[in-house]
PDB file of N, CA and C in Angstrom:
ATOM      1  N   UNK A   1     128.007  87.057 131.499  1.00  0.00           N
ATOM      2  CA  UNK A   1     127.108  87.054 130.362  1.00  0.00           C
ATOM      3  C   UNK A   1     127.774  87.726 129.158  1.00  0.00           C
ATOM      4  N   UNK A   2     128.465  88.821 129.396  1.00  0.00           N
ATOM      5  CA  UNK A   2     129.152  89.532 128.320  1.00  0.00           C
ATOM      6  C   UNK A   2     130.286  88.673 127.753  1.00  0.00           C
ATOM      7  N   UNK A   3     130.976  87.952 128.617  1.00  0.00           N
ATOM      8  CA  UNK A   3     132.052  87.082 128.169  1.00  0.00           C
ATOM      9  C   UNK A   3     131.529  85.989 127.234  1.00  0.00           C
ATOM     10  N   UNK A   4     130.391  85.396 127.580  1.00  0.00           N
ATOM     11  CA  UNK A   4     129.791  84.352 126.744  1.00  0.00           C
ATOM     12  C   UNK A   4     129.386  84.918 125.383  1.00  0.00           C
ATOM     13  N   UNK A   5     128.856  86.115 125.360  1.00  0.00           N
ATOM     14  CA  UNK A   5     128.449  86.742 124.110  1.00  0.00           C
ATOM     15  C   UNK A   5     129.664  87.008 123.227  1.00  0.00           C
ATOM     16  N   UNK A   6     130.723  87.512 123.817  1.00  0.00           N
ATOM     17  CA  UNK A   6     131.948  87.792 123.066  1.00  0.00           C
ATOM     18  C   UNK A   6     132.550  86.490 122.550  1.00  0.00           C
ATOM     19  N   UNK A   7     132.589  85.456 123.375  1.00  0.00           N
ATOM     20  CA  UNK A   7     133.127  84.160 122.936  1.00  0.00           C
ATOM     21  C   UNK A   7     132.282  83.569 121.812  1.00  0.00           C
ATOM     22  N   UNK A   8     130.975  83.681 121.918  1.00  0.00           N
ATOM     23  CA  UNK A   8     130.084  83.157 120.879  1.00  0.00           C
ATOM     24  C   UNK A   8     130.300  83.910 119.574  1.00  0.00           C
ATOM     25  N   UNK A   9     130.396  85.221 119.650  1.00  0.00           N
ATOM     26  CA  UNK A   9     130.633  86.024 118.445  1.00  0.00           C
ATOM     27  C   UNK A   9     131.979  85.665 117.829  1.00  0.00           C
ATOM     28  N   UNK A  10     133.003  85.491 118.649  1.00  0.00           N
ATOM     29  CA  UNK A  10     134.323  85.120 118.143  1.00  0.00           C
ATOM     30  C   UNK A  10     134.286  83.750 117.483  1.00  0.00           C
ATOM     31  N   UNK A  11     133.562  82.825 118.075  1.00  0.00           N
ATOM     32  CA  UNK A  11     133.444  81.480 117.505  1.00  0.00           C
ATOM     33  C   UNK A  11     132.719  81.521 116.165  1.00  0.00           C
ATOM     34  N   UNK A  12     131.681  82.339 116.081  1.00  0.00           N
ATOM     35  CA  UNK A  12     130.946  82.469 114.823  1.00  0.00           C
ATOM     36  C   UNK A  12     131.855  83.052 113.748  1.00  0.00           C
ATOM     37  N   UNK A  13     132.634  84.055 114.103  1.00  0.00           N
ATOM     38  CA  UNK A  13     133.560  84.660 113.137  1.00  0.00           C
ATOM     39  C   UNK A  13     134.601  83.644 112.688  1.00  0.00           C
ATOM     40  N   UNK A  14     135.157  82.891 113.616  1.00  0.00           N
ATOM     41  CA  UNK A  14     136.142  81.863 113.271  1.00  0.00           C
ATOM     42  C   UNK A  14     135.507  80.811 112.366  1.00  0.00           C
ATOM     43  N   UNK A  15     134.294  80.399 112.685  1.00  0.00           N
ATOM     44  CA  UNK A  15     133.594  79.401 111.863  1.00  0.00           C
ATOM     45  C   UNK A  15     133.456  79.892 110.425  1.00  0.00           C
ATOM     46  N   UNK A  16     133.005  81.126 110.250  1.00  0.00           N
ATOM     47  CA  UNK A  16     132.821  81.645 108.901  1.00  0.00           C
ATOM     48  C   UNK A  16     134.142  81.862 108.172  1.00  0.00           C
ATOM     49  N   UNK A  17     135.185  82.204 108.881  1.00  0.00           N
ATOM     50  CA  UNK A  17     136.494  82.318 108.253  1.00  0.00           C
ATOM     51  C   UNK A  17     136.993  80.963 107.762  1.00  0.00           C
ATOM     52  N   UNK A  18     136.828  79.949 108.576  1.00  0.00           N
ATOM     53  CA  UNK A  18     137.225  78.590 108.170  1.00  0.00           C
ATOM     54  C   UNK A  18     136.373  78.122 106.996  1.00  0.00           C
ATOM     55  N   UNK A  19     135.086  78.411 107.038  1.00  0.00           N
ATOM     56  CA  UNK A  19     134.194  78.040 105.947  1.00  0.00           C
ATOM     57  C   UNK A  19     134.600  78.750 104.655  1.00  0.00           C
ATOM     58  N   UNK A  20     134.887  80.029 104.729  1.00  0.00           N
ATOM     59  CA  UNK A  20     135.316  80.784 103.542  1.00  0.00           C
ATOM     60  C   UNK A  20     136.624  80.224 103.002  1.00  0.00           C
ATOM     61  N   UNK A  21     137.571  79.903 103.876  1.00  0.00           N
ATOM     62  CA  UNK A  21     138.846  79.334 103.450  1.00  0.00           C
ATOM     63  C   UNK A  21     138.620  78.008 102.714  1.00  0.00           C
ATOM     64  N   UNK A  22     137.771  77.153 103.277  1.00  0.00           N
ATOM     65  CA  UNK A  22     137.496  75.852 102.657  1.00  0.00           C
ATOM     66  C   UNK A  22     136.826  76.030 101.298  1.00  0.00           C
ATOM     67  N   UNK A  23     135.890  76.941 101.197  1.00  0.00           N
ATOM     68  CA  UNK A  23     135.210  77.165  99.922  1.00  0.00           C
ATOM     69  C   UNK A  23     136.162  77.723  98.872  1.00  0.00           C
ATOM     70  N   UNK A  24     137.079  78.577  99.277  1.00  0.00           N
ATOM     71  CA  UNK A  24     138.073  79.101  98.336  1.00  0.00           C
ATOM     72  C   UNK A  24     138.978  77.977  97.848  1.00  0.00           C
ATOM     73  N   UNK A  25     139.406  77.102  98.748  1.00  0.00           N
ATOM     74  CA  UNK A  25     140.253  75.971  98.351  1.00  0.00           C
ATOM     75  C   UNK A  25     139.496  75.047  97.393  1.00  0.00           C
ATOM     76  N   UNK A  26     138.240  74.754  97.700  1.00  0.00           N
ATOM     77  CA  UNK A  26     137.429  73.896  96.829  1.00  0.00           C
ATOM     78  C   UNK A  26     137.264  74.553  95.467  1.00  0.00           C
ATOM     79  N   UNK A  27     136.998  75.841  95.457  1.00  0.00           N
ATOM     80  CA  UNK A  27     136.835  76.566  94.200  1.00  0.00           C
ATOM     81  C   UNK A  27     138.100  76.512  93.359  1.00  0.00           C
ATOM     82  N   UNK A  28     139.248  76.660  93.997  1.00  0.00           N
ATOM     83  CA  UNK A  28     140.515  76.586  93.266  1.00  0.00           C
ATOM     84  C   UNK A  28     140.736  75.206  92.659  1.00  0.00           C
ATOM     85  N   UNK A  29     140.420  74.169  93.406  1.00  0.00           N
ATOM     86  CA  UNK A  29     140.585  72.809  92.881  1.00  0.00           C
ATOM     87  C   UNK A  29     139.625  72.577  91.715  1.00  0.00           C
ATOM     88  N   UNK A  30     138.381  73.003  91.864  1.00  0.00           N
ATOM     89  CA  UNK A  30     137.416  72.825  90.774  1.00  0.00           C
ATOM     90  C   UNK A  30     137.818  73.625  89.544  1.00  0.00           C
ATOM     91  N   UNK A  31     138.357  74.813  89.754  1.00  0.00           N
ATOM     92  CA  UNK A  31     138.801  75.632  88.632  1.00  0.00           C
ATOM     93  C   UNK A  31     139.956  74.935  87.908  1.00  0.00           C
ATOM     94  N   UNK A  32     140.836  74.305  88.660  1.00  0.00           N
ATOM     95  CA  UNK A  32     141.961  73.610  88.018  1.00  0.00           C
ATOM     96  C   UNK A  32     141.486  72.361  87.274  1.00  0.00           C
ATOM     97  N   UNK A  33     140.432  71.742  87.748  1.00  0.00           N
ATOM     98  CA  UNK A  33     139.911  70.552  87.078  1.00  0.00           C
ATOM     99  C   UNK A  33     139.105  70.928  85.840  1.00  0.00           C
ATOM    100  N   UNK A  34     138.286  71.971  85.951  1.00  0.00           N
ATOM    101  CA  UNK A  34     137.359  72.272  84.864  1.00  0.00           C
ATOM    102  C   UNK A  34     137.511  73.631  84.246  1.00  0.00           C
ATOM    103  N   UNK A  35     138.694  74.187  84.244  1.00  0.00           N
ATOM    104  CA  UNK A  35     138.876  75.537  83.749  1.00  0.00           C
ATOM    105  C   UNK A  35     139.062  75.660  82.254  1.00  0.00           C
ATOM    106  N   UNK A  36     139.295  74.562  81.545  1.00  0.00           N
ATOM    107  CA  UNK A  36     139.534  74.634  80.106  1.00  0.00           C
ATOM    108  C   UNK A  36     138.495  73.812  79.354  1.00  0.00           C
ATOM    109  N   UNK A  37     138.335  74.087  78.057  1.00  0.00           N
ATOM    110  CA  UNK A  37     137.353  73.308  77.276  1.00  0.00           C
ATOM    111  C   UNK A  37     137.716  71.837  77.129  1.00  0.00           C
ATOM    112  N   UNK A  38     138.958  71.483  77.375  1.00  0.00           N
ATOM    113  CA  UNK A  38     139.363  70.081  77.262  1.00  0.00           C
ATOM    114  C   UNK A  38     139.514  69.414  78.628  1.00  0.00           C
ATOM    115  N   UNK A  39     139.037  70.066  79.673  1.00  0.00           N
ATOM    116  CA  UNK A  39     139.171  69.510  81.018  1.00  0.00           C
ATOM    117  C   UNK A  39     138.200  68.352  81.212  1.00  0.00           C
ATOM    118  N   UNK A  40     138.380  67.648  82.316  1.00  0.00           N
ATOM    119  CA  UNK A  40     137.503  66.511  82.621  1.00  0.00           C
ATOM    120  C   UNK A  40     136.062  66.952  82.801  1.00  0.00           C
ATOM    121  N   UNK A  41     135.857  68.071  83.468  1.00  0.00           N
ATOM    122  CA  UNK A  41     134.486  68.540  83.668  1.00  0.00           C
ATOM    123  C   UNK A  41     133.833  68.940  82.356  1.00  0.00           C
ATOM    124  N   UNK A  42     134.602  69.554  81.470  1.00  0.00           N
ATOM    125  CA  UNK A  42     134.049  69.926  80.169  1.00  0.00           C
ATOM    126  C   UNK A  42     133.679  68.677  79.371  1.00  0.00           C
ATOM    127  N   UNK A  43     134.537  67.662  79.422  1.00  0.00           N
ATOM    128  CA  UNK A  43     134.236  66.406  78.727  1.00  0.00           C
ATOM    129  C   UNK A  43     133.022  65.722  79.341  1.00  0.00           C
ATOM    130  N   UNK A  44     132.938  65.764  80.658  1.00  0.00           N
ATOM    131  CA  UNK A  44     131.794  65.175  81.341  1.00  0.00           C
ATOM    132  C   UNK A  44     130.513  65.895  80.954  1.00  0.00           C
ATOM    133  N   UNK A  45     130.558  67.222  80.938  1.00  0.00           N
ATOM    134  CA  UNK A  45     129.391  68.003  80.544  1.00  0.00           C
ATOM    135  C   UNK A  45     128.981  67.677  79.111  1.00  0.00           C
ATOM    136  N   UNK A  46     129.951  67.559  78.226  1.00  0.00           N
ATOM    137  CA  UNK A  46     129.677  67.217  76.835  1.00  0.00           C
ATOM    138  C   UNK A  46     129.013  65.843  76.737  1.00  0.00           C
ATOM    139  N   UNK A  47     129.526  64.878  77.483  1.00  0.00           N
ATOM    140  CA  UNK A  47     128.943  63.533  77.471  1.00  0.00           C
ATOM    141  C   UNK A  47     127.535  63.505  78.039  1.00  0.00           C
ATOM    142  N   UNK A  48     127.320  64.237  79.127  1.00  0.00           N
ATOM    143  CA  UNK A  48     125.979  64.275  79.717  1.00  0.00           C
ATOM    144  C   UNK A  48     124.990  64.955  78.784  1.00  0.00           C
ATOM    145  N   UNK A  49     125.438  65.977  78.084  1.00  0.00           N
ATOM    146  CA  UNK A  49     124.571  66.654  77.112  1.00  0.00           C
ATOM    147  C   UNK A  49     124.217  65.696  75.985  1.00  0.00           C
ATOM    148  N   UNK A  50     125.176  64.894  75.540  1.00  0.00           N
ATOM    149  CA  UNK A  50     124.909  63.917  74.481  1.00  0.00           C
ATOM    150  C   UNK A  50     123.885  62.890  74.945  1.00  0.00           C
ATOM    151  N   UNK A  51     124.005  62.451  76.185  1.00  0.00           N
ATOM    152  CA  UNK A  51     123.029  61.499  76.723  1.00  0.00           C
ATOM    153  C   UNK A  51     121.653  62.134  76.782  1.00  0.00           C
ATOM    154  N   UNK A  52     121.596  63.386  77.212  1.00  0.00           N
ATOM    155  CA  UNK A  52     120.311  64.085  77.282  1.00  0.00           C
ATOM    156  C   UNK A  52     119.664  64.184  75.900  1.00  0.00           C
ATOM    157  N   UNK A  53     120.455  64.502  74.889  1.00  0.00           N
ATOM    158  CA  UNK A  53     119.925  64.626  73.533  1.00  0.00           C
ATOM    159  C   UNK A  53     119.475  63.263  73.012  1.00  0.00           C
ATOM    160  N   UNK A  54     120.280  62.246  73.251  1.00  0.00           N
ATOM    161  CA  UNK A  54     119.959  60.908  72.734  1.00  0.00           C
ATOM    162  C   UNK A  54     118.737  60.294  73.409  1.00  0.00           C
ATOM    163  N   UNK A  55     118.488  60.637  74.656  1.00  0.00           N
ATOM    164  CA  UNK A  55     117.344  60.048  75.372  1.00  0.00           C
ATOM    165  C   UNK A  55     116.142  60.986  75.436  1.00  0.00           C
ATOM    166  N   UNK A  56     116.236  62.150  74.818  1.00  0.00           N
ATOM    167  CA  UNK A  56     115.144  63.120  74.865  1.00  0.00           C
ATOM    168  C   UNK A  56     113.863  62.617  74.220  1.00  0.00           C
ATOM    169  N   UNK A  57     113.956  61.737  73.239  1.00  0.00           N
ATOM    170  CA  UNK A  57     112.760  61.223  72.562  1.00  0.00           C
ATOM    171  C   UNK A  57     112.027  60.166  73.385  1.00  0.00           C
ATOM    172  N   UNK A  58     112.597  59.739  74.485  1.00  0.00           N
ATOM    173  CA  UNK A  58     111.967  58.690  75.288  1.00  0.00           C
ATOM    174  C   UNK A  58     110.751  59.187  76.076  1.00  0.00           C
ATOM    175  N   UNK A  59     110.721  60.449  76.439  1.00  0.00           N
ATOM    176  CA  UNK A  59     109.648  60.970  77.285  1.00  0.00           C
ATOM    177  C   UNK A  59     108.263  60.748  76.680  1.00  0.00           C
ATOM    178  N   UNK A  60     108.010  61.125  75.419  1.00  0.00           N
ATOM    179  CA  UNK A  60     106.673  60.874  74.875  1.00  0.00           C
ATOM    180  C   UNK A  60     106.329  59.387  74.808  1.00  0.00           C
ATOM    181  N   UNK A  61     107.338  58.569  74.544  1.00  0.00           N
ATOM    182  CA  UNK A  61     107.092  57.128  74.466  1.00  0.00           C
ATOM    183  C   UNK A  61     106.727  56.560  75.835  1.00  0.00           C
ATOM    184  N   UNK A  62     107.391  57.038  76.864  1.00  0.00           N
ATOM    185  CA  UNK A  62     107.093  56.570  78.218  1.00  0.00           C
ATOM    186  C   UNK A  62     105.685  56.970  78.615  1.00  0.00           C
ATOM    187  N   UNK A  63     105.261  58.169  78.223  1.00  0.00           N
ATOM    188  CA  UNK A  63     103.892  58.611  78.520  1.00  0.00           C
ATOM    189  C   UNK A  63     102.892  57.687  77.843  1.00  0.00           C
ATOM    190  N   UNK A  64     103.170  57.331  76.597  1.00  0.00           N
ATOM    191  CA  UNK A  64     102.255  56.424  75.885  1.00  0.00           C
ATOM    192  C   UNK A  64     102.237  55.044  76.534  1.00  0.00           C
ATOM    193  N   UNK A  65     103.398  54.565  76.951  1.00  0.00           N
ATOM    194  CA  UNK A  65     103.462  53.257  77.619  1.00  0.00           C
ATOM    195  C   UNK A  65     102.678  53.300  78.931  1.00  0.00           C
ATOM    196  N   UNK A  66     102.805  54.379  79.681  1.00  0.00           N
ATOM    197  CA  UNK A  66     102.058  54.503  80.939  1.00  0.00           C
ATOM    198  C   UNK A  66     100.558  54.508  80.694  1.00  0.00           C
ATOM    199  N   UNK A  67     100.108  55.202  79.657  1.00  0.00           N
ATOM    200  CA  UNK A  67      98.682  55.203  79.340  1.00  0.00           C
ATOM    201  C   UNK A  67      98.206  53.806  78.966  1.00  0.00           C
ATOM    202  N   UNK A  68      98.992  53.116  78.163  1.00  0.00           N
ATOM    203  CA  UNK A  68      98.631  51.752  77.761  1.00  0.00           C
ATOM    204  C   UNK A  68      98.593  50.825  78.969  1.00  0.00           C
ATOM    205  N   UNK A  69      99.588  50.939  79.837  1.00  0.00           N
ATOM    206  CA  UNK A  69      99.615  50.095  81.030  1.00  0.00           C
ATOM    207  C   UNK A  69      98.451  50.406  81.964  1.00  0.00           C
ATOM    208  N   UNK A  70      98.013  51.651  82.007  1.00  0.00           N
ATOM    209  CA  UNK A  70      96.850  51.998  82.826  1.00  0.00           C
ATOM    210  C   UNK A  70      95.590  51.328  82.296  1.00  0.00           C
ATOM    211  N   UNK A  71      95.437  51.324  80.979  1.00  0.00           N
ATOM    212  CA  UNK A  71      94.261  50.660  80.418  1.00  0.00           C
ATOM    213  C   UNK A  71      94.341  49.144  80.620  1.00  0.00           C
ATOM    214  N   UNK A  72      95.538  48.584  80.526  1.00  0.00           N
ATOM    215  CA  UNK A  72      95.708  47.146  80.785  1.00  0.00           C
ATOM    216  C   UNK A  72      95.374  46.843  82.243  1.00  0.00           C
ATOM    217  N   UNK A  73      95.767  47.730  83.145  1.00  0.00           N
ATOM    218  CA  UNK A  73      95.469  47.518  84.567  1.00  0.00           C
ATOM    219  C   UNK A  73      93.972  47.438  84.797  1.00  0.00           C
ATOM    220  N   UNK A  74      93.197  48.286  84.106  1.00  0.00           N
ATOM    221  CA  UNK A  74      91.746  48.221  84.233  1.00  0.00           C
ATOM    222  C   UNK A  74      91.202  46.876  83.761  1.00  0.00           C
ATOM    223  N   UNK A  75      91.733  46.375  82.653  1.00  0.00           N
ATOM    224  CA  UNK A  75      91.308  45.069  82.155  1.00  0.00           C
ATOM    225  C   UNK A  75      91.685  43.948  83.106  1.00  0.00           C
ATOM    226  N   UNK A  76      92.869  44.031  83.692  1.00  0.00           N
ATOM    227  CA  UNK A  76      93.306  43.002  84.642  1.00  0.00           C
ATOM    228  C   UNK A  76      92.461  43.009  85.909  1.00  0.00           C
ATOM    229  N   UNK A  77      91.986  44.184  86.316  1.00  0.00           N
ATOM    230  CA  UNK A  77      91.088  44.240  87.473  1.00  0.00           C
ATOM    231  C   UNK A  77      89.786  43.517  87.169  1.00  0.00           C
ATOM    232  N   UNK A  78      89.281  43.681  85.939  1.00  0.00           N
ATOM    233  CA  UNK A  78      88.059  42.975  85.549  1.00  0.00           C
ATOM    234  C   UNK A  78      88.300  41.467  85.523  1.00  0.00           C
ATOM    235  N   UNK A  79      89.447  41.034  85.015  1.00  0.00           N
ATOM    236  CA  UNK A  79      89.786  39.604  84.998  1.00  0.00           C
ATOM    237  C   UNK A  79      89.893  39.088  86.424  1.00  0.00           C
ATOM    238  N   UNK A  80      90.502  39.865  87.305  1.00  0.00           N
ATOM    239  CA  UNK A  80      90.631  39.480  88.704  1.00  0.00           C
ATOM    240  C   UNK A  80      89.263  39.289  89.345  1.00  0.00           C
ATOM    241  N   UNK A  81      88.348  40.203  89.079  1.00  0.00           N
ATOM    242  CA  UNK A  81      86.993  40.080  89.641  1.00  0.00           C
ATOM    243  C   UNK A  81      86.322  38.807  89.142  1.00  0.00           C
ATOM    244  N   UNK A  82      86.481  38.516  87.869  1.00  0.00           N
ATOM    245  CA  UNK A  82      85.867  37.289  87.319  1.00  0.00           C
ATOM    246  C   UNK A  82      86.500  36.036  87.916  1.00  0.00           C
ATOM    247  N   UNK A  83      87.817  36.063  88.096  1.00  0.00           N
ATOM    248  CA  UNK A  83      88.487  34.906  88.694  1.00  0.00           C
ATOM    249  C   UNK A  83      88.057  34.701  90.144  1.00  0.00           C
ATOM    250  N   UNK A  84      87.889  35.789  90.875  1.00  0.00           N
ATOM    251  CA  UNK A  84      87.410  35.676  92.255  1.00  0.00           C
ATOM    252  C   UNK A  84      86.016  35.071  92.265  1.00  0.00           C
ATOM    253  N   UNK A  85      85.168  35.534  91.346  1.00  0.00           N
ATOM    254  CA  UNK A  85      83.823  34.957  91.254  1.00  0.00           C
ATOM    255  C   UNK A  85      83.863  33.482  90.907  1.00  0.00           C
ATOM    256  N   UNK A  86      84.746  33.093  89.992  1.00  0.00           N
ATOM    257  CA  UNK A  86      84.868  31.688  89.600  1.00  0.00           C
ATOM    258  C   UNK A  86      85.369  30.844  90.769  1.00  0.00           C
ATOM    259  N   UNK A  87      86.346  31.350  91.493  1.00  0.00           N
ATOM    260  CA  UNK A  87      86.869  30.615  92.648  1.00  0.00           C
ATOM    261  C   UNK A  87      85.794  30.463  93.711  1.00  0.00           C
ATOM    262  N   UNK A  88      85.068  31.524  93.979  1.00  0.00           N
ATOM    263  CA  UNK A  88      83.994  31.447  94.975  1.00  0.00           C
ATOM    264  C   UNK A  88      82.921  30.444  94.555  1.00  0.00           C
ATOM    265  N   UNK A  89      82.590  30.443  93.272  1.00  0.00           N
ATOM    266  CA  UNK A  89      81.593  29.485  92.788  1.00  0.00           C
ATOM    267  C   UNK A  89      82.114  28.058  92.916  1.00  0.00           C
ATOM    268  N   UNK A  90      83.394  27.831  92.604  1.00  0.00           N
ATOM    269  CA  UNK A  90      83.974  26.493  92.710  1.00  0.00           C
ATOM    270  C   UNK A  90      84.018  26.041  94.157  1.00  0.00           C
ATOM    271  N   UNK A  91      84.350  26.940  95.066  1.00  0.00           N
ATOM    272  CA  UNK A  91      84.391  26.585  96.482  1.00  0.00           C
ATOM    273  C   UNK A  91      82.984  26.268  96.973  1.00  0.00           C
ATOM    274  N   UNK A  92      82.016  27.070  96.557  1.00  0.00           N
ATOM    275  CA  UNK A  92      80.620  26.808  96.967  1.00  0.00           C
ATOM    276  C   UNK A  92      80.127  25.477  96.393  1.00  0.00           C
ATOM    277  N   UNK A  93      80.486  25.178  95.181  1.00  0.00           N
ATOM    278  CA  UNK A  93      80.058  23.923  94.559  1.00  0.00           C
ATOM    279  C   UNK A  93      80.714  22.741  95.257  1.00  0.00           C
ATOM    280  N   UNK A  94      81.953  22.864  95.669  1.00  0.00           N
ATOM    281  CA  UNK A  94      82.647  21.778  96.340  1.00  0.00           C
ATOM    282  C   UNK A  94      81.996  21.509  97.704  1.00  0.00           C
ATOM    283  N   UNK A  95      81.520  22.547  98.373  1.00  0.00           N
ATOM    284  CA  UNK A  95      80.861  22.362  99.678  1.00  0.00           C
ATOM    285  C   UNK A  95      79.597  21.522  99.546  1.00  0.00           C
ATOM    286  N   UNK A  96      78.882  21.688  98.444  1.00  0.00           N
ATOM    287  CA  UNK A  96      77.611  20.985  98.278  1.00  0.00           C
ATOM    288  C   UNK A  96      77.793  19.560  97.797  1.00  0.00           C
ATOM    289  N   UNK A  97      78.973  19.182  97.439  1.00  0.00           N
ATOM    290  CA  UNK A  97      79.179  17.805  96.953  1.00  0.00           C
ATOM    291  C   UNK A  97      79.457  16.841  98.052  1.00  0.00           C
TER     292      UNK A  97
END
């Protein structure tokens, strides 16, 4: 039982050491890619910020479109009810002929 506990603890320590090593390597690569203001990551961030600014005015418009579409949906439900009534009346009339 003691041997299993020691082996498990050793495995956990090895796992975390490997994880720390991998994270340090990833951090170094990311630092080399995005460490300067002219790096790819900096350019990407700049472009994404520009997209965010350019599309920021869309949110209020989308809300208005959703409200309009909701009111249209209510009208279409009323049209659907009338069409169902018309179809039922036509089917009933055809039966009596």
